Amino acid sequence: MPEPLEAAKTFMDALEARDPERAAAVCAENVQIELPGGDPQLEGRDGARRLVRIAPAFIRRVREHQIDGTTVILRGLTRAPGHFANYTTWTFETDGQLITHVTFAWRPAN
């Protein structure tokens, strides 16, 4: 089983590679994913798969990470080439191995 940081990085790699099965593999059965902007949250491994399928083909670069017990915070840049860039903060709560809760927020970079 992955450690919290490994699980979070695997999820992000799966998101970038558009690999829903890989993302779901590091999530708990009852994972909750909160979408920014008041959209309904996604639940369960099927919700993780759906996030990967519906996520636009942005370029995501993690620039720093912070670990606080079983919570991992990844910060970086998300951009749509030629359009916009956002500083993004992803927060992954885990049970020590699998991801149980995901939130993310954007802040304009330009």
Protein backbone atom coordinates (compact mmCIF):
# COMPACT_ATOMS: atom_id res chain seq x y z
CA MET A 1 0.00 0.00 0.00
CA PRO A 2 1.27 3.49 -0.79
CA GLU A 3 2.32 6.08 1.75
CA PRO A 4 0.27 9.32 1.78
CA LEU A 5 2.71 11.31 -0.41
CA GLU A 6 3.09 8.45 -2.86
CA ALA A 7 -0.71 8.08 -3.10
CA ALA A 8 -1.16 11.81 -3.79
CA LYS A 9 1.59 11.89 -6.43
CA THR A 10 0.20 8.74 -8.06
CA PHE A 11 -3.25 10.37 -8.22
CA MET A 12 -1.79 13.50 -9.84
CA ASP A 13 0.26 11.43 -12.32
CA ALA A 14 -2.90 9.49 -13.21
CA LEU A 15 -4.80 12.75 -13.71
CA GLU A 16 -2.09 14.04 -16.03
CA ALA A 17 -1.95 10.73 -17.93
CA ARG A 18 -5.77 10.53 -18.03
CA ASP A 19 -5.65 7.09 -16.38
CA PRO A 20 -8.85 6.70 -14.30
CA GLU A 21 -8.03 3.20 -13.05
CA ARG A 22 -4.67 4.28 -11.67
CA ALA A 23 -6.27 7.23 -9.86
CA ALA A 24 -8.99 5.02 -8.36
CA ALA A 25 -6.40 2.45 -7.21
CA VAL A 26 -4.95 4.87 -4.62
CA CYS A 27 -8.38 5.94 -3.31
CA ALA A 28 -10.44 4.43 -0.53
CA GLU A 29 -13.80 2.90 -1.49
CA ASN A 30 -15.62 5.88 0.05
CA VAL A 31 -13.33 8.71 -1.14
CA GLN A 32 -14.96 12.12 -1.38
CA ILE A 33 -13.77 14.65 -3.95
CA GLU A 34 -14.91 18.26 -3.54
CA LEU A 35 -15.00 20.23 -6.77
CA PRO A 36 -14.34 23.99 -6.69
CA GLY A 37 -17.07 26.41 -7.62
CA GLY A 38 -19.93 24.73 -5.81
CA ASP A 39 -20.25 21.81 -8.21
CA PRO A 40 -21.53 18.60 -6.65
CA GLN A 41 -18.86 16.49 -5.02
CA LEU A 42 -17.80 13.16 -6.46
CA GLU A 43 -17.89 10.07 -4.29
CA GLY A 44 -16.24 6.67 -4.26
CA ARG A 45 -13.70 5.21 -6.64
CA ASP A 46 -16.16 5.77 -9.48
CA GLY A 47 -16.07 9.46 -8.56
CA ALA A 48 -12.26 9.44 -8.82
CA ARG A 49 -12.52 7.79 -12.22
CA ARG A 50 -15.09 10.38 -13.31
CA LEU A 51 -12.85 13.27 -12.23
CA VAL A 52 -10.04 11.95 -14.41
CA ARG A 53 -12.41 11.51 -17.35
CA ILE A 54 -13.96 15.00 -17.10
CA ALA A 55 -10.80 16.95 -16.22
CA PRO A 56 -9.64 19.17 -19.09
CA ALA A 57 -6.28 18.37 -20.61
CA PHE A 58 -4.36 20.93 -18.61
CA ILE A 59 -0.67 20.80 -17.87
CA ARG A 60 -0.22 20.35 -14.11
CA ARG A 61 3.13 20.88 -12.40
CA VAL A 62 3.56 20.20 -8.71
CA ARG A 63 6.21 22.53 -7.33
CA GLU A 64 6.07 21.80 -3.61
CA HIS A 65 4.51 19.45 -1.14
CA GLN A 66 3.73 19.52 2.56
CA ILE A 67 2.93 16.51 4.74
CA ASP A 68 0.98 16.91 7.96
CA GLY A 69 0.45 13.45 9.44
CA THR A 70 -1.76 11.63 6.96
CA THR A 71 -2.65 14.77 4.97
CA VAL A 72 -0.67 15.82 1.91
CA ILE A 73 -0.84 19.27 0.33
CA LEU A 74 0.53 19.69 -3.19
CA ARG A 75 1.00 23.16 -4.67
CA GLY A 76 1.84 23.97 -8.21
CA LEU A 77 0.76 25.44 -11.50
CA THR A 78 -2.14 24.34 -13.69
CA ARG A 79 -2.28 25.84 -17.14
CA ALA A 80 -4.06 25.62 -20.44
CA PRO A 81 -1.32 26.54 -22.93
CA GLY A 82 -2.04 29.86 -24.59
CA HIS A 83 -5.04 30.60 -22.38
CA PHE A 84 -4.49 30.89 -18.63
CA ALA A 85 -2.48 29.70 -15.68
CA ASN A 86 -3.56 29.09 -12.09
CA TYR A 87 -1.73 28.37 -8.90
CA THR A 88 -3.39 25.22 -7.64
CA THR A 89 -3.48 23.74 -4.15
CA TRP A 90 -4.53 20.10 -3.84
CA THR A 91 -5.24 18.65 -0.40
CA PHE A 92 -5.32 14.88 -0.02
CA GLU A 93 -6.52 13.42 3.26
CA THR A 94 -5.62 9.76 3.66
CA ASP A 95 -6.11 6.92 6.09
CA GLY A 96 -2.33 6.59 6.11
CA GLN A 97 -2.30 4.79 2.78
CA LEU A 98 -5.36 5.41 0.61
CA ILE A 99 -6.90 8.78 -0.25
CA THR A 100 -10.15 9.44 1.62
CA HIS A 101 -10.86 13.10 0.77
CA VAL A 102 -9.66 15.47 -1.96
CA THR A 103 -10.09 19.22 -2.32
CA PHE A 104 -8.47 21.62 -4.73
CA ALA A 105 -8.53 25.35 -5.30
CA TRP A 106 -7.22 27.71 -7.97
CA ARG A 107 -5.80 31.20 -7.75
CA PRO A 108 -5.05 33.13 -10.97
CA ALA A 109 -1.38 33.30 -11.90
CA ASN A 110 -1.73 35.92 -14.63
